[in-house]
Amino acid sequence: QVQLVESGGGLVQPGGSLRLSCAPSGRTFSRNTMGWFRQGPRREREFVAGILWNGGSTEYAEAVKGRFTISRDSAKNTMSLQMNSLKLEDTAVYYCAARSTAWEINITSRRGDYDYWGQGTQVTVSS
């Protein structure tokens, strides 16, 4: 069974930081592009950040550039999202996602291009 499990969500004050982690099980994703998406109230699920299969390239949504950093540890088969300078509008359920195809040369921000999804972890930014 392939499963992606997110952790690290919680309540944080504006300007604070959180680090989300994604721990896949059932298979390795060391050759697959992965990413983070989020879905806030009354919003569609949107792309947050992506990282190439080998970690050599990253992409970010404009709203999080300069504040969020995506990374991965191939040895541990994990992916992380460091979130700094959090804002109220960052409040959302954050989802870990992975593609089924291997060795991509480009990162995609399209939700439909990702085939494996976690159940999400809630991030709430509030004073």
N, C-alpha and C. Protein backbone atom coordinates (compact mmCIF):
# COMPACT_ATOMS: atom_id res chain seq x y z
N GLN A 1 0.84 -1.18 0.00
CA GLN A 1 0.00 0.00 0.00
C GLN A 1 0.88 1.24 0.00
N VAL A 2 0.65 2.12 -0.95
CA VAL A 2 1.39 3.36 -1.04
C VAL A 2 0.64 4.41 -0.23
N GLN A 3 1.36 5.07 0.64
CA GLN A 3 0.75 6.06 1.50
C GLN A 3 1.70 7.21 1.74
N LEU A 4 1.16 8.42 1.74
CA LEU A 4 1.90 9.61 2.10
C LEU A 4 1.30 10.17 3.38
N VAL A 5 2.13 10.41 4.36
CA VAL A 5 1.66 10.89 5.65
C VAL A 5 2.33 12.20 5.98
N GLU A 6 1.53 13.25 6.16
CA GLU A 6 2.04 14.56 6.52
C GLU A 6 2.06 14.71 8.04
N SER A 7 2.97 15.52 8.51
CA SER A 7 3.04 15.85 9.93
C SER A 7 3.64 17.23 10.09
N GLY A 8 3.47 17.81 11.26
CA GLY A 8 4.07 19.08 11.57
C GLY A 8 3.13 20.26 11.58
N GLY A 9 1.89 20.05 11.19
CA GLY A 9 0.93 21.13 11.21
C GLY A 9 0.54 21.51 12.62
N GLY A 10 -0.12 22.64 12.73
CA GLY A 10 -0.54 23.11 14.04
C GLY A 10 -0.92 24.57 14.02
N LEU A 11 -1.03 25.13 15.20
CA LEU A 11 -1.38 26.54 15.38
C LEU A 11 -0.12 27.35 15.61
N VAL A 12 0.01 28.43 14.87
CA VAL A 12 1.18 29.28 14.98
C VAL A 12 0.76 30.74 14.84
N GLN A 13 1.47 31.62 15.50
CA GLN A 13 1.18 33.04 15.41
C GLN A 13 1.72 33.64 14.12
N PRO A 14 1.12 34.71 13.64
CA PRO A 14 1.66 35.38 12.46
C PRO A 14 3.13 35.73 12.66
N GLY A 15 3.92 35.50 11.63
CA GLY A 15 5.35 35.72 11.72
C GLY A 15 6.13 34.52 12.22
N GLY A 16 5.44 33.52 12.69
CA GLY A 16 6.08 32.33 13.20
C GLY A 16 6.46 31.35 12.11
N SER A 17 6.95 30.20 12.53
CA SER A 17 7.44 29.20 11.60
C SER A 17 6.90 27.81 11.94
N LEU A 18 6.77 27.01 10.92
CA LEU A 18 6.43 25.60 11.06
C LEU A 18 7.22 24.82 10.02
N ARG A 19 7.46 23.58 10.33
CA ARG A 19 8.11 22.70 9.38
C ARG A 19 7.24 21.47 9.17
N LEU A 20 6.78 21.29 7.96
CA LEU A 20 5.97 20.14 7.61
C LEU A 20 6.84 19.04 7.04
N SER A 21 6.46 17.81 7.32
CA SER A 21 7.18 16.67 6.79
C SER A 21 6.22 15.72 6.10
N CYS A 22 6.72 15.03 5.11
CA CYS A 22 5.96 14.03 4.38
C CYS A 22 6.75 12.74 4.39
N ALA A 23 6.15 11.69 4.89
CA ALA A 23 6.81 10.40 4.99
C ALA A 23 6.06 9.37 4.17
N PRO A 24 6.54 9.06 2.98
CA PRO A 24 5.90 8.03 2.17
C PRO A 24 6.19 6.64 2.71
N SER A 25 5.28 5.74 2.44
CA SER A 25 5.48 4.34 2.76
C SER A 25 4.93 3.49 1.63
N GLY A 26 5.44 2.29 1.51
CA GLY A 26 4.99 1.40 0.47
C GLY A 26 5.84 1.42 -0.78
N ARG A 27 6.58 2.47 -0.98
CA ARG A 27 7.48 2.58 -2.11
C ARG A 27 8.38 3.79 -1.91
N THR A 28 9.45 3.83 -2.66
CA THR A 28 10.33 4.98 -2.63
C THR A 28 9.95 5.97 -3.72
N PHE A 29 10.12 7.25 -3.44
CA PHE A 29 9.86 8.30 -4.41
C PHE A 29 11.14 9.05 -4.76
N SER A 30 12.25 8.37 -4.64
CA SER A 30 13.54 9.00 -4.91
C SER A 30 13.75 9.34 -6.37
N ARG A 31 12.92 8.82 -7.24
CA ARG A 31 13.00 9.12 -8.66
C ARG A 31 11.76 9.85 -9.17
N ASN A 32 11.02 10.45 -8.26
CA ASN A 32 9.77 11.09 -8.61
C ASN A 32 9.70 12.52 -8.08
N THR A 33 9.20 13.40 -8.92
CA THR A 33 8.94 14.76 -8.47
C THR A 33 7.85 14.77 -7.40
N MET A 34 8.04 15.60 -6.40
CA MET A 34 7.07 15.71 -5.32
C MET A 34 6.73 17.18 -5.09
N GLY A 35 5.67 17.40 -4.35
CA GLY A 35 5.27 18.77 -4.10
C GLY A 35 4.32 18.91 -2.93
N TRP A 36 4.04 20.15 -2.61
CA TRP A 36 3.09 20.50 -1.57
C TRP A 36 1.97 21.35 -2.17
N PHE A 37 0.76 21.03 -1.80
CA PHE A 37 -0.41 21.81 -2.17
C PHE A 37 -1.14 22.21 -0.90
N ARG A 38 -2.03 23.16 -1.02
CA ARG A 38 -2.82 23.55 0.14
C ARG A 38 -4.22 23.94 -0.30
N GLN A 39 -5.14 23.81 0.63
CA GLN A 39 -6.52 24.16 0.37
C GLN A 39 -7.09 24.87 1.59
N GLY A 40 -7.38 26.13 1.42
CA GLY A 40 -7.98 26.91 2.49
C GLY A 40 -9.48 26.94 2.36
N PRO A 41 -10.15 27.54 3.32
CA PRO A 41 -11.61 27.64 3.28
C PRO A 41 -12.07 28.35 2.01
N ARG A 42 -13.05 27.78 1.36
CA ARG A 42 -13.64 28.37 0.16
C ARG A 42 -12.65 28.49 -1.00
N ARG A 43 -11.62 27.70 -0.96
CA ARG A 43 -10.61 27.76 -2.00
C ARG A 43 -10.40 26.40 -2.65
N GLU A 44 -9.93 26.44 -3.88
CA GLU A 44 -9.52 25.22 -4.55
C GLU A 44 -8.12 24.83 -4.08
N ARG A 45 -7.82 23.57 -4.18
CA ARG A 45 -6.48 23.12 -3.83
C ARG A 45 -5.47 23.75 -4.78
N GLU A 46 -4.45 24.39 -4.22
CA GLU A 46 -3.50 25.13 -5.03
C GLU A 46 -2.07 24.69 -4.76
N PHE A 47 -1.26 24.87 -5.78
CA PHE A 47 0.15 24.51 -5.70
C PHE A 47 0.89 25.45 -4.77
N VAL A 48 1.75 24.89 -3.94
CA VAL A 48 2.57 25.68 -3.03
C VAL A 48 4.03 25.62 -3.42
N ALA A 49 4.56 24.42 -3.57
CA ALA A 49 5.96 24.24 -3.90
C ALA A 49 6.18 22.86 -4.48
N GLY A 50 7.19 22.75 -5.33
CA GLY A 50 7.54 21.47 -5.92
C GLY A 50 9.04 21.29 -5.94
N ILE A 51 9.46 20.05 -5.95
CA ILE A 51 10.87 19.73 -5.99
C ILE A 51 11.11 18.58 -6.95
N LEU A 52 12.12 18.72 -7.79
CA LEU A 52 12.44 17.71 -8.77
C LEU A 52 12.88 16.42 -8.09
N TRP A 53 12.78 15.35 -8.81
CA TRP A 53 13.08 14.03 -8.25
C TRP A 53 14.44 13.94 -7.60
N ASN A 54 15.43 14.65 -8.17
CA ASN A 54 16.78 14.60 -7.61
C ASN A 54 17.08 15.79 -6.69
N GLY A 55 16.08 16.61 -6.44
CA GLY A 55 16.27 17.76 -5.58
C GLY A 55 17.01 18.91 -6.22
N GLY A 56 17.32 18.80 -7.50
CA GLY A 56 18.13 19.80 -8.16
C GLY A 56 17.39 21.05 -8.59
N SER A 57 16.09 21.03 -8.52
CA SER A 57 15.29 22.17 -8.94
C SER A 57 14.06 22.29 -8.06
N THR A 58 13.66 23.51 -7.78
CA THR A 58 12.46 23.76 -6.99
C THR A 58 11.63 24.86 -7.63
N GLU A 59 10.35 24.85 -7.34
CA GLU A 59 9.43 25.89 -7.77
C GLU A 59 8.52 26.27 -6.62
N TYR A 60 8.10 27.53 -6.62
CA TYR A 60 7.23 28.03 -5.56
C TYR A 60 6.12 28.87 -6.14
N ALA A 61 4.98 28.80 -5.50
CA ALA A 61 3.92 29.72 -5.81
C ALA A 61 4.37 31.13 -5.43
N GLU A 62 3.92 32.10 -6.18
CA GLU A 62 4.34 33.47 -5.94
C GLU A 62 4.05 33.93 -4.52
N ALA A 63 2.96 33.45 -3.97
CA ALA A 63 2.54 33.89 -2.64
C ALA A 63 3.48 33.44 -1.52
N VAL A 64 4.30 32.43 -1.78
CA VAL A 64 5.16 31.90 -0.72
C VAL A 64 6.64 32.08 -1.01
N LYS A 65 6.98 32.66 -2.13
CA LYS A 65 8.38 32.84 -2.47
C LYS A 65 9.10 33.69 -1.42
N GLY A 66 10.27 33.24 -1.06
CA GLY A 66 11.05 33.94 -0.06
C GLY A 66 10.71 33.59 1.37
N ARG A 67 9.62 32.86 1.57
CA ARG A 67 9.19 32.50 2.91
C ARG A 67 9.21 30.99 3.15
N PHE A 68 8.91 30.22 2.12
CA PHE A 68 8.85 28.77 2.24
C PHE A 68 10.04 28.15 1.52
N THR A 69 10.50 27.03 2.03
CA THR A 69 11.57 26.28 1.41
C THR A 69 11.22 24.80 1.38
N ILE A 70 11.23 24.23 0.20
CA ILE A 70 10.95 22.81 0.05
C ILE A 70 12.28 22.06 -0.05
N SER A 71 12.33 20.89 0.53
CA SER A 71 13.52 20.07 0.47
C SER A 71 13.14 18.60 0.54
N ARG A 72 14.09 17.76 0.25
CA ARG A 72 13.85 16.33 0.35
C ARG A 72 15.12 15.62 0.77
N ASP A 73 14.94 14.48 1.40
CA ASP A 73 16.04 13.65 1.85
C ASP A 73 15.84 12.29 1.20
N SER A 74 16.60 12.02 0.17
CA SER A 74 16.42 10.79 -0.58
C SER A 74 16.74 9.55 0.25
N ALA A 75 17.71 9.67 1.15
CA ALA A 75 18.08 8.55 1.99
C ALA A 75 16.95 8.13 2.93
N LYS A 76 16.20 9.11 3.41
CA LYS A 76 15.09 8.84 4.32
C LYS A 76 13.75 8.74 3.61
N ASN A 77 13.75 9.04 2.32
CA ASN A 77 12.52 9.01 1.53
C ASN A 77 11.48 9.96 2.12
N THR A 78 11.93 11.15 2.49
CA THR A 78 11.05 12.14 3.08
C THR A 78 11.16 13.47 2.35
N MET A 79 10.16 14.30 2.54
CA MET A 79 10.12 15.63 1.97
C MET A 79 9.64 16.59 3.03
N SER A 80 10.16 17.81 3.00
CA SER A 80 9.81 18.78 4.02
C SER A 80 9.44 20.12 3.40
N LEU A 81 8.72 20.90 4.16
CA LEU A 81 8.39 22.26 3.78
C LEU A 81 8.62 23.15 4.98
N GLN A 82 9.66 23.95 4.93
CA GLN A 82 9.94 24.91 5.98
C GLN A 82 9.17 26.18 5.68
N MET A 83 8.33 26.59 6.60
CA MET A 83 7.48 27.75 6.41
C MET A 83 7.85 28.82 7.43
N ASN A 84 8.34 29.93 6.95
CA ASN A 84 8.72 31.05 7.80
C ASN A 84 7.86 32.26 7.51
N SER A 85 7.88 33.20 8.43
CA SER A 85 7.11 34.44 8.28
C SER A 85 5.67 34.17 7.88
N LEU A 86 5.05 33.27 8.60
CA LEU A 86 3.70 32.84 8.24
C LEU A 86 2.70 33.97 8.37
N LYS A 87 1.75 33.96 7.45
CA LYS A 87 0.70 34.96 7.39
C LYS A 87 -0.65 34.31 7.61
N LEU A 88 -1.65 35.12 7.92
CA LEU A 88 -2.99 34.61 8.12
C LEU A 88 -3.48 33.84 6.90
N GLU A 89 -3.15 34.34 5.71
CA GLU A 89 -3.62 33.71 4.50
C GLU A 89 -2.95 32.38 4.19
N ASP A 90 -1.95 32.01 4.98
CA ASP A 90 -1.33 30.70 4.84
C ASP A 90 -2.14 29.60 5.51
N THR A 91 -3.16 29.98 6.24
CA THR A 91 -4.02 29.00 6.91
C THR A 91 -4.68 28.10 5.87
N ALA A 92 -4.47 26.81 6.01
CA ALA A 92 -5.00 25.86 5.04
C ALA A 92 -4.66 24.45 5.49
N VAL A 93 -5.25 23.48 4.82
CA VAL A 93 -4.82 22.11 4.94
C VAL A 93 -3.73 21.89 3.90
N TYR A 94 -2.59 21.42 4.33
CA TYR A 94 -1.46 21.22 3.44
C TYR A 94 -1.32 19.76 3.09
N TYR A 95 -1.17 19.48 1.80
CA TYR A 95 -1.11 18.13 1.29
C TYR A 95 0.24 17.83 0.65
N CYS A 96 0.75 16.68 0.96
CA CYS A 96 1.92 16.14 0.28
C CYS A 96 1.46 15.40 -0.96
N ALA A 97 2.21 15.54 -2.05
CA ALA A 97 1.84 14.88 -3.29
C ALA A 97 3.08 14.38 -4.02
N ALA A 98 2.89 13.34 -4.82
CA ALA A 98 3.98 12.77 -5.59
C ALA A 98 3.49 12.32 -6.95
N ARG A 99 4.36 12.40 -7.93
CA ARG A 99 4.05 11.92 -9.26
C ARG A 99 4.38 10.45 -9.38
N SER A 100 3.71 9.77 -10.27
CA SER A 100 3.97 8.36 -10.50
C SER A 100 5.07 8.14 -11.54
N THR A 101 5.26 9.10 -12.43
CA THR A 101 6.31 9.00 -13.43
C THR A 101 7.65 9.37 -12.83
N ALA A 102 8.70 8.82 -13.41
CA ALA A 102 10.04 8.99 -12.87
C ALA A 102 10.92 9.83 -13.78
N TRP A 103 11.93 10.42 -13.18
CA TRP A 103 12.98 11.14 -13.88
C TRP A 103 12.47 12.31 -14.72
N GLU A 104 11.52 13.03 -14.20
CA GLU A 104 11.03 14.21 -14.91
C GLU A 104 12.13 15.26 -15.02
N ILE A 105 12.06 16.07 -16.08
CA ILE A 105 13.03 17.15 -16.24
C ILE A 105 12.44 18.49 -15.86
N ASN A 106 11.14 18.52 -15.62
CA ASN A 106 10.47 19.76 -15.23
C ASN A 106 9.53 19.50 -14.07
N ILE A 107 9.36 20.51 -13.25
CA ILE A 107 8.41 20.46 -12.16
C ILE A 107 7.07 20.99 -12.67
N THR A 108 6.01 20.32 -12.31
CA THR A 108 4.68 20.76 -12.70
C THR A 108 3.91 21.27 -11.49
N SER A 109 3.11 22.29 -11.71
CA SER A 109 2.26 22.84 -10.66
C SER A 109 0.81 22.40 -10.81
N ARG A 110 0.54 21.55 -11.77
CA ARG A 110 -0.81 21.09 -12.03
C ARG A 110 -1.19 19.97 -11.07
N ARG A 111 -2.29 20.15 -10.39
CA ARG A 111 -2.75 19.15 -9.44
C ARG A 111 -2.97 17.79 -10.09
N GLY A 112 -3.48 17.81 -11.32
CA GLY A 112 -3.78 16.57 -12.01
C GLY A 112 -2.56 15.76 -12.42
N ASP A 113 -1.39 16.35 -12.36
CA ASP A 113 -0.16 15.64 -12.71
C ASP A 113 0.41 14.85 -11.54
N TYR A 114 -0.15 15.02 -10.38
CA TYR A 114 0.31 14.29 -9.19
C TYR A 114 -0.66 13.15 -8.90
N ASP A 115 -0.10 11.99 -8.62
CA ASP A 115 -0.89 10.78 -8.55
C ASP A 115 -1.09 10.23 -7.13
N TYR A 116 -0.21 10.58 -6.22
CA TYR A 116 -0.30 10.12 -4.85
C TYR A 116 -0.47 11.31 -3.92
N TRP A 117 -1.38 11.18 -2.98
CA TRP A 117 -1.72 12.28 -2.08
C TRP A 117 -1.83 11.82 -0.64
N GLY A 118 -1.37 12.67 0.26
CA GLY A 118 -1.59 12.43 1.66
C GLY A 118 -2.95 12.92 2.09
N GLN A 119 -3.28 12.70 3.35
CA GLN A 119 -4.57 13.12 3.88
C GLN A 119 -4.59 14.57 4.32
N GLY A 120 -3.44 15.19 4.42
CA GLY A 120 -3.35 16.59 4.76
C GLY A 120 -3.08 16.84 6.23
N THR A 121 -2.47 17.97 6.50
CA THR A 121 -2.23 18.42 7.86
C THR A 121 -2.64 19.88 7.97
N GLN A 122 -3.35 20.20 9.03
CA GLN A 122 -3.90 21.54 9.19
C GLN A 122 -2.85 22.51 9.70
N VAL A 123 -2.74 23.64 9.03
CA VAL A 123 -1.90 24.74 9.47
C VAL A 123 -2.81 25.93 9.72
N THR A 124 -2.80 26.43 10.93
CA THR A 124 -3.62 27.57 11.28
C THR A 124 -2.73 28.69 11.80
N VAL A 125 -2.79 29.82 11.13
CA VAL A 125 -2.01 30.99 11.53
C VAL A 125 -2.97 31.98 12.17
N SER A 126 -2.79 32.21 13.43
CA SER A 126 -3.70 33.08 14.17
C SER A 126 -3.00 33.64 15.39
N SER A 127 -3.39 34.85 15.78
CA SER A 127 -2.85 35.46 16.97
C SER A 127 -3.61 35.06 18.22
